[in-house]
PDB file of N, CA and C in Angstrom:
ATOM      1  N   UNK A   1       0.820  -1.179   0.000  1.00  0.00           N
ATOM      2  CA  UNK A   1       0.000   0.000   0.000  1.00  0.00           C
ATOM      3  C   UNK A   1       0.871   1.253   0.000  1.00  0.00           C
ATOM      4  N   UNK A   2       1.918   1.246   0.794  1.00  0.00           N
ATOM      5  CA  UNK A   2       2.815   2.400   0.845  1.00  0.00           C
ATOM      6  C   UNK A   2       3.519   2.567  -0.497  1.00  0.00           C
ATOM      7  N   UNK A   3       3.898   1.460  -1.108  1.00  0.00           N
ATOM      8  CA  UNK A   3       4.616   1.508  -2.378  1.00  0.00           C
ATOM      9  C   UNK A   3       3.757   2.108  -3.496  1.00  0.00           C
ATOM     10  N   UNK A   4       2.436   1.949  -3.414  1.00  0.00           N
ATOM     11  CA  UNK A   4       1.568   2.533  -4.429  1.00  0.00           C
ATOM     12  C   UNK A   4       1.458   4.046  -4.288  1.00  0.00           C
ATOM     13  N   UNK A   5       1.661   4.554  -3.082  1.00  0.00           N
ATOM     14  CA  UNK A   5       1.460   5.978  -2.827  1.00  0.00           C
ATOM     15  C   UNK A   5       2.751   6.801  -2.867  1.00  0.00           C
ATOM     16  N   UNK A   6       3.882   6.172  -2.554  1.00  0.00           N
ATOM     17  CA  UNK A   6       5.138   6.904  -2.473  1.00  0.00           C
ATOM     18  C   UNK A   6       6.308   5.984  -2.784  1.00  0.00           C
ATOM     19  N   UNK A   7       7.488   6.551  -2.898  1.00  0.00           N
ATOM     20  CA  UNK A   7       8.710   5.792  -3.174  1.00  0.00           C
ATOM     21  C   UNK A   7       9.185   5.145  -1.869  1.00  0.00           C
ATOM     22  N   UNK A   8       9.119   3.815  -1.787  1.00  0.00           N
ATOM     23  CA  UNK A   8       9.455   3.151  -0.527  1.00  0.00           C
ATOM     24  C   UNK A   8      10.956   3.096  -0.264  1.00  0.00           C
ATOM     25  N   UNK A   9      11.760   3.412  -1.244  1.00  0.00           N
ATOM     26  CA  UNK A   9      13.202   3.430  -1.022  1.00  0.00           C
ATOM     27  C   UNK A   9      13.686   4.789  -0.519  1.00  0.00           C
ATOM     28  N   UNK A  10      12.788   5.746  -0.354  1.00  0.00           N
ATOM     29  CA  UNK A  10      13.125   7.057   0.192  1.00  0.00           C
ATOM     30  C   UNK A  10      12.427   7.199   1.544  1.00  0.00           C
ATOM     31  N   UNK A  11      13.149   6.945   2.656  1.00  0.00           N
ATOM     32  CA  UNK A  11      12.517   6.954   3.976  1.00  0.00           C
ATOM     33  C   UNK A  11      11.873   8.282   4.363  1.00  0.00           C
ATOM     34  N   UNK A  12      12.411   9.391   3.914  1.00  0.00           N
ATOM     35  CA  UNK A  12      11.832  10.686   4.262  1.00  0.00           C
ATOM     36  C   UNK A  12      10.458  10.873   3.620  1.00  0.00           C
ATOM     37  N   UNK A  13      10.287  10.420   2.399  1.00  0.00           N
ATOM     38  CA  UNK A  13       8.991  10.509   1.734  1.00  0.00           C
ATOM     39  C   UNK A  13       7.972   9.599   2.416  1.00  0.00           C
ATOM     40  N   UNK A  14       8.425   8.430   2.842  1.00  0.00           N
ATOM     41  CA  UNK A  14       7.529   7.498   3.531  1.00  0.00           C
ATOM     42  C   UNK A  14       7.117   8.076   4.877  1.00  0.00           C
ATOM     43  N   UNK A  15       8.057   8.670   5.588  1.00  0.00           N
ATOM     44  CA  UNK A  15       7.755   9.282   6.883  1.00  0.00           C
ATOM     45  C   UNK A  15       6.737  10.407   6.709  1.00  0.00           C
ATOM     46  N   UNK A  16       6.897  11.204   5.681  1.00  0.00           N
ATOM     47  CA  UNK A  16       5.964  12.293   5.396  1.00  0.00           C
ATOM     48  C   UNK A  16       4.590  11.742   5.016  1.00  0.00           C
ATOM     49  N   UNK A  17       4.568  10.683   4.215  1.00  0.00           N
ATOM     50  CA  UNK A  17       3.303  10.066   3.810  1.00  0.00           C
ATOM     51  C   UNK A  17       2.545   9.535   5.026  1.00  0.00           C
ATOM     52  N   UNK A  18       3.243   8.843   5.920  1.00  0.00           N
ATOM     53  CA  UNK A  18       2.591   8.284   7.106  1.00  0.00           C
ATOM     54  C   UNK A  18       2.081   9.401   8.005  1.00  0.00           C
ATOM     55  N   UNK A  19       2.862  10.462   8.172  1.00  0.00           N
ATOM     56  CA  UNK A  19       2.455  11.564   9.040  1.00  0.00           C
ATOM     57  C   UNK A  19       1.214  12.278   8.510  1.00  0.00           C
ATOM     58  N   UNK A  20       1.083  12.391   7.190  1.00  0.00           N
ATOM     59  CA  UNK A  20      -0.043  13.115   6.609  1.00  0.00           C
ATOM     60  C   UNK A  20      -1.274  12.248   6.388  1.00  0.00           C
ATOM     61  N   UNK A  21      -1.151  10.947   6.575  1.00  0.00           N
ATOM     62  CA  UNK A  21      -2.279  10.038   6.359  1.00  0.00           C
ATOM     63  C   UNK A  21      -3.339  10.284   7.432  1.00  0.00           C
ATOM     64  N   UNK A  22      -4.583  10.411   7.008  1.00  0.00           N
ATOM     65  CA  UNK A  22      -5.690  10.706   7.926  1.00  0.00           C
ATOM     66  C   UNK A  22      -6.237   9.413   8.530  1.00  0.00           C
ATOM     67  N   UNK A  23      -5.500   8.847   9.469  1.00  0.00           N
ATOM     68  CA  UNK A  23      -5.913   7.626  10.156  1.00  0.00           C
ATOM     69  C   UNK A  23      -5.594   7.753  11.638  1.00  0.00           C
ATOM     70  N   UNK A  24      -5.879   6.719  12.390  1.00  0.00           N
ATOM     71  CA  UNK A  24      -5.599   6.738  13.820  1.00  0.00           C
ATOM     72  C   UNK A  24      -4.101   6.563  14.074  1.00  0.00           C
ATOM     73  N   UNK A  25      -3.706   6.934  15.274  1.00  0.00           N
ATOM     74  CA  UNK A  25      -2.288   6.813  15.619  1.00  0.00           C
ATOM     75  C   UNK A  25      -1.866   5.350  15.738  1.00  0.00           C
ATOM     76  N   UNK A  26      -2.782   4.483  16.102  1.00  0.00           N
ATOM     77  CA  UNK A  26      -2.481   3.055  16.155  1.00  0.00           C
ATOM     78  C   UNK A  26      -2.172   2.489  14.783  1.00  0.00           C
ATOM     79  N   UNK A  27      -2.918   2.937  13.772  1.00  0.00           N
ATOM     80  CA  UNK A  27      -2.680   2.486  12.403  1.00  0.00           C
ATOM     81  C   UNK A  27      -1.340   3.013  11.906  1.00  0.00           C
ATOM     82  N   UNK A  28      -1.034   4.265  12.237  1.00  0.00           N
ATOM     83  CA  UNK A  28       0.252   4.841  11.847  1.00  0.00           C
ATOM     84  C   UNK A  28       1.404   4.089  12.511  1.00  0.00           C
ATOM     85  N   UNK A  29       1.198   3.674  13.760  1.00  0.00           N
ATOM     86  CA  UNK A  29       2.215   2.893  14.454  1.00  0.00           C
ATOM     87  C   UNK A  29       2.451   1.567  13.742  1.00  0.00           C
ATOM     88  N   UNK A  30       1.371   0.921  13.293  1.00  0.00           N
ATOM     89  CA  UNK A  30       1.508  -0.332  12.543  1.00  0.00           C
ATOM     90  C   UNK A  30       2.249  -0.117  11.230  1.00  0.00           C
ATOM     91  N   UNK A  31       1.960   0.981  10.540  1.00  0.00           N
ATOM     92  CA  UNK A  31       2.660   1.283   9.293  1.00  0.00           C
ATOM     93  C   UNK A  31       4.152   1.482   9.527  1.00  0.00           C
ATOM     94  N   UNK A  32       4.516   2.185  10.602  1.00  0.00           N
ATOM     95  CA  UNK A  32       5.938   2.390  10.882  1.00  0.00           C
ATOM     96  C   UNK A  32       6.617   1.078  11.262  1.00  0.00           C
ATOM     97  N   UNK A  33       5.914   0.191  11.959  1.00  0.00           N
ATOM     98  CA  UNK A  33       6.481  -1.127  12.286  1.00  0.00           C
ATOM     99  C   UNK A  33       6.781  -1.915  11.014  1.00  0.00           C
ATOM    100  N   UNK A  34       5.817  -1.917  10.105  1.00  0.00           N
ATOM    101  CA  UNK A  34       5.990  -2.654   8.852  1.00  0.00           C
ATOM    102  C   UNK A  34       7.122  -2.068   8.028  1.00  0.00           C
ATOM    103  N   UNK A  35       7.142  -0.738   7.920  1.00  0.00           N
ATOM    104  CA  UNK A  35       8.189  -0.109   7.113  1.00  0.00           C
ATOM    105  C   UNK A  35       9.559  -0.269   7.773  1.00  0.00           C
ATOM    106  N   UNK A  36       9.597  -0.302   9.092  1.00  0.00           N
ATOM    107  CA  UNK A  36      10.866  -0.507   9.793  1.00  0.00           C
ATOM    108  C   UNK A  36      11.461  -1.867   9.444  1.00  0.00           C
ATOM    109  N   UNK A  37      10.630  -2.882   9.320  1.00  0.00           N
ATOM    110  CA  UNK A  37      11.118  -4.209   8.907  1.00  0.00           C
ATOM    111  C   UNK A  37      11.654  -4.172   7.476  1.00  0.00           C
ATOM    112  N   UNK A  38      10.964  -3.441   6.609  1.00  0.00           N
ATOM    113  CA  UNK A  38      11.425  -3.291   5.230  1.00  0.00           C
ATOM    114  C   UNK A  38      12.780  -2.597   5.189  1.00  0.00           C
ATOM    115  N   UNK A  39      12.931  -1.549   5.989  1.00  0.00           N
ATOM    116  CA  UNK A  39      14.186  -0.792   6.028  1.00  0.00           C
ATOM    117  C   UNK A  39      15.336  -1.677   6.511  1.00  0.00           C
ATOM    118  N   UNK A  40      15.105  -2.423   7.581  1.00  0.00           N
ATOM    119  CA  UNK A  40      16.168  -3.299   8.104  1.00  0.00           C
ATOM    120  C   UNK A  40      16.521  -4.397   7.112  1.00  0.00           C
ATOM    121  N   UNK A  41      15.536  -4.940   6.415  1.00  0.00           N
ATOM    122  CA  UNK A  41      15.784  -6.019   5.459  1.00  0.00           C
ATOM    123  C   UNK A  41      16.611  -5.530   4.266  1.00  0.00           C
ATOM    124  N   UNK A  42      16.333  -4.319   3.813  1.00  0.00           N
ATOM    125  CA  UNK A  42      17.014  -3.778   2.638  1.00  0.00           C
ATOM    126  C   UNK A  42      18.246  -2.933   2.979  1.00  0.00           C
ATOM    127  N   UNK A  43      18.603  -2.814   4.247  1.00  0.00           N
ATOM    128  CA  UNK A  43      19.812  -2.104   4.642  1.00  0.00           C
ATOM    129  C   UNK A  43      19.726  -0.594   4.513  1.00  0.00           C
ATOM    130  N   UNK A  44      18.535  -0.033   4.593  1.00  0.00           N
ATOM    131  CA  UNK A  44      18.377   1.414   4.537  1.00  0.00           C
ATOM    132  C   UNK A  44      18.459   1.993   5.948  1.00  0.00           C
ATOM    133  N   UNK A  45      18.651   3.289   6.043  1.00  0.00           N
ATOM    134  CA  UNK A  45      18.690   3.972   7.337  1.00  0.00           C
ATOM    135  C   UNK A  45      17.556   4.979   7.406  1.00  0.00           C
ATOM    136  N   UNK A  46      16.910   5.036   8.585  1.00  0.00           N
ATOM    137  CA  UNK A  46      15.884   6.041   8.791  1.00  0.00           C
ATOM    138  C   UNK A  46      15.666   6.256  10.271  1.00  0.00           C
ATOM    139  N   UNK A  47      15.169   7.428  10.612  1.00  0.00           N
ATOM    140  CA  UNK A  47      14.820   7.735  11.996  1.00  0.00           C
ATOM    141  C   UNK A  47      13.336   7.466  12.140  1.00  0.00           C
ATOM    142  N   UNK A  48      13.015   6.419  12.850  1.00  0.00           N
ATOM    143  CA  UNK A  48      11.632   5.970  12.949  1.00  0.00           C
ATOM    144  C   UNK A  48      10.804   6.908  13.830  1.00  0.00           C
ATOM    145  N   UNK A  49       9.652   7.397  13.340  1.00  0.00           N
ATOM    146  CA  UNK A  49       8.777   8.209  14.194  1.00  0.00           C
ATOM    147  C   UNK A  49       7.974   7.303  15.127  1.00  0.00           C
ATOM    148  N   UNK A  50       7.655   7.794  16.302  1.00  0.00           N
ATOM    149  CA  UNK A  50       6.885   7.017  17.266  1.00  0.00           C
ATOM    150  C   UNK A  50       5.505   7.631  17.442  1.00  0.00           C
ATOM    151  N   UNK A  51       4.516   6.806  17.399  1.00  0.00           N
ATOM    152  CA  UNK A  51       3.133   7.216  17.605  1.00  0.00           C
ATOM    153  C   UNK A  51       2.604   6.486  18.829  1.00  0.00           C
ATOM    154  N   UNK A  52       1.919   7.212  19.683  1.00  0.00           N
ATOM    155  CA  UNK A  52       1.351   6.630  20.897  1.00  0.00           C
ATOM    156  C   UNK A  52      -0.136   6.403  20.667  1.00  0.00           C
ATOM    157  N   UNK A  53      -0.569   5.181  20.882  1.00  0.00           N
ATOM    158  CA  UNK A  53      -1.977   4.832  20.682  1.00  0.00           C
ATOM    159  C   UNK A  53      -2.847   5.543  21.708  1.00  0.00           C
ATOM    160  N   UNK A  54      -4.022   5.953  21.253  1.00  0.00           N
ATOM    161  CA  UNK A  54      -4.991   6.578  22.145  1.00  0.00           C
ATOM    162  C   UNK A  54      -5.875   5.479  22.729  1.00  0.00           C
ATOM    163  N   UNK A  55      -6.097   5.537  24.034  1.00  0.00           N
ATOM    164  CA  UNK A  55      -6.923   4.501  24.655  1.00  0.00           C
ATOM    165  C   UNK A  55      -8.386   4.733  24.299  1.00  0.00           C
ATOM    166  N   UNK A  56      -9.099   3.650  24.118  1.00  0.00           N
ATOM    167  CA  UNK A  56     -10.509   3.715  23.763  1.00  0.00           C
ATOM    168  C   UNK A  56     -11.343   3.182  24.908  1.00  0.00           C
ATOM    169  N   UNK A  57     -12.527   3.741  25.073  1.00  0.00           N
ATOM    170  CA  UNK A  57     -13.422   3.251  26.108  1.00  0.00           C
ATOM    171  C   UNK A  57     -14.039   1.938  25.642  1.00  0.00           C
ATOM    172  N   UNK A  58     -14.250   1.009  26.553  1.00  0.00           N
ATOM    173  CA  UNK A  58     -14.838  -0.273  26.154  1.00  0.00           C
ATOM    174  C   UNK A  58     -16.300  -0.100  25.757  1.00  0.00           C
ATOM    175  N   UNK A  59     -16.756  -0.979  24.881  1.00  0.00           N
ATOM    176  CA  UNK A  59     -18.150  -0.954  24.431  1.00  0.00           C
ATOM    177  C   UNK A  59     -19.029  -1.614  25.487  1.00  0.00           C
ATOM    178  N   UNK A  60     -20.043  -0.894  25.927  1.00  0.00           N
ATOM    179  CA  UNK A  60     -20.998  -1.429  26.893  1.00  0.00           C
ATOM    180  C   UNK A  60     -22.349  -1.516  26.202  1.00  0.00           C
ATOM    181  N   UNK A  61     -22.884  -2.741  26.047  1.00  0.00           N
ATOM    182  CA  UNK A  61     -24.171  -2.881  25.357  1.00  0.00           C
ATOM    183  C   UNK A  61     -25.319  -2.340  26.207  1.00  0.00           C
ATOM    184  N   UNK A  62     -26.374  -1.920  25.529  1.00  0.00           N
ATOM    185  CA  UNK A  62     -27.557  -1.440  26.237  1.00  0.00           C
ATOM    186  C   UNK A  62     -28.340  -2.635  26.775  1.00  0.00           C
ATOM    187  N   UNK A  63     -29.289  -2.334  27.646  1.00  0.00           N
ATOM    188  CA  UNK A  63     -30.105  -3.403  28.227  1.00  0.00           C
ATOM    189  C   UNK A  63     -30.922  -4.101  27.144  1.00  0.00           C
ATOM    190  N   UNK A  64     -31.376  -3.339  26.158  1.00  0.00           N
ATOM    191  CA  UNK A  64     -32.146  -3.924  25.064  1.00  0.00           C
ATOM    192  C   UNK A  64     -31.292  -4.893  24.245  1.00  0.00           C
ATOM    193  N   UNK A  65     -30.039  -4.545  23.978  1.00  0.00           N
ATOM    194  CA  UNK A  65     -29.144  -5.432  23.231  1.00  0.00           C
ATOM    195  C   UNK A  65     -28.849  -6.704  24.022  1.00  0.00           C
ATOM    196  N   UNK A  66     -28.717  -6.585  25.322  1.00  0.00           N
ATOM    197  CA  UNK A  66     -28.484  -7.765  26.165  1.00  0.00           C
ATOM    198  C   UNK A  66     -29.697  -8.688  26.123  1.00  0.00           C
ATOM    199  N   UNK A  67     -30.898  -8.116  26.200  1.00  0.00           N
ATOM    200  CA  UNK A  67     -32.120  -8.928  26.145  1.00  0.00           C
ATOM    201  C   UNK A  67     -32.262  -9.626  24.789  1.00  0.00           C
ATOM    202  N   UNK A  68     -31.907  -8.953  23.716  1.00  0.00           N
ATOM    203  CA  UNK A  68     -31.953  -9.564  22.385  1.00  0.00           C
ATOM    204  C   UNK A  68     -30.985 -10.740  22.322  1.00  0.00           C
ATOM    205  N   UNK A  69     -29.806 -10.585  22.888  1.00  0.00           N
ATOM    206  CA  UNK A  69     -28.810 -11.655  22.907  1.00  0.00           C
ATOM    207  C   UNK A  69     -29.311 -12.858  23.689  1.00  0.00           C
ATOM    208  N   UNK A  70     -29.890 -12.611  24.850  1.00  0.00           N
ATOM    209  CA  UNK A  70     -30.391 -13.704  25.686  1.00  0.00           C
ATOM    210  C   UNK A  70     -31.550 -14.424  24.990  1.00  0.00           C
ATOM    211  N   UNK A  71     -32.454 -13.671  24.401  1.00  0.00           N
ATOM    212  CA  UNK A  71     -33.624 -14.281  23.748  1.00  0.00           C
ATOM    213  C   UNK A  71     -33.262 -15.061  22.494  1.00  0.00           C
ATOM    214  N   UNK A  72     -32.180 -14.683  21.828  1.00  0.00           N
ATOM    215  CA  UNK A  72     -31.817 -15.372  20.595  1.00  0.00           C
ATOM    216  C   UNK A  72     -30.854 -16.540  20.811  1.00  0.00           C
ATOM    217  N   UNK A  73     -30.388 -16.706  22.030  1.00  0.00           N
ATOM    218  CA  UNK A  73     -29.455 -17.811  22.299  1.00  0.00           C
ATOM    219  C   UNK A  73     -30.220 -19.074  22.698  1.00  0.00           C
ATOM    220  N   UNK A  74     -29.587 -20.228  22.555  1.00  0.00           N
ATOM    221  CA  UNK A  74     -30.224 -21.493  22.967  1.00  0.00           C
ATOM    222  C   UNK A  74     -30.468 -21.499  24.480  1.00  0.00           C
ATOM    223  N   UNK A  75     -31.424 -22.296  24.940  1.00  0.00           N
ATOM    224  CA  UNK A  75     -31.772 -22.309  26.371  1.00  0.00           C
ATOM    225  C   UNK A  75     -30.576 -22.589  27.285  1.00  0.00           C
ATOM    226  N   UNK A  76     -29.665 -23.396  26.839  1.00  0.00           N
ATOM    227  CA  UNK A  76     -28.484 -23.727  27.661  1.00  0.00           C
ATOM    228  C   UNK A  76     -27.648 -22.483  27.954  1.00  0.00           C
ATOM    229  N   UNK A  77     -27.444 -21.642  26.932  1.00  0.00           N
ATOM    230  CA  UNK A  77     -26.630 -20.440  27.109  1.00  0.00           C
ATOM    231  C   UNK A  77     -27.443 -19.269  27.654  1.00  0.00           C
ATOM    232  N   UNK A  78     -28.748 -19.277  27.413  1.00  0.00           N
ATOM    233  CA  UNK A  78     -29.615 -18.214  27.953  1.00  0.00           C
ATOM    234  C   UNK A  78     -29.578 -18.221  29.473  1.00  0.00           C
ATOM    235  N   UNK A  79     -29.533 -19.409  30.071  1.00  0.00           N
ATOM    236  CA  UNK A  79     -29.462 -19.519  31.522  1.00  0.00           C
ATOM    237  C   UNK A  79     -28.156 -18.915  32.042  1.00  0.00           C
ATOM    238  N   UNK A  80     -27.061 -19.164  31.353  1.00  0.00           N
ATOM    239  CA  UNK A  80     -25.765 -18.628  31.764  1.00  0.00           C
ATOM    240  C   UNK A  80     -25.722 -17.112  31.605  1.00  0.00           C
ATOM    241  N   UNK A  81     -26.262 -16.633  30.488  1.00  0.00           N
ATOM    242  CA  UNK A  81     -26.269 -15.197  30.241  1.00  0.00           C
ATOM    243  C   UNK A  81     -27.195 -14.485  31.190  1.00  0.00           C
TER     244      UNK A  81
END
């Protein structure tokens, strides 16, 4: 994907591409991990940027969603739920 958008043999262009990409910081971190492996494999040098993932709140289902889950499950699991 990076190779389609920019020159992967130029680390500065790749760093700029990742920084300007409109995605989450976790996705950018994954892109830098992948590109870092490419750089090490091909013997290139680059200063890797670090992105810190933002914590997300856990999903809490509503009471209606819980009731739908219980009603649609088999009797064995409905008792447990």
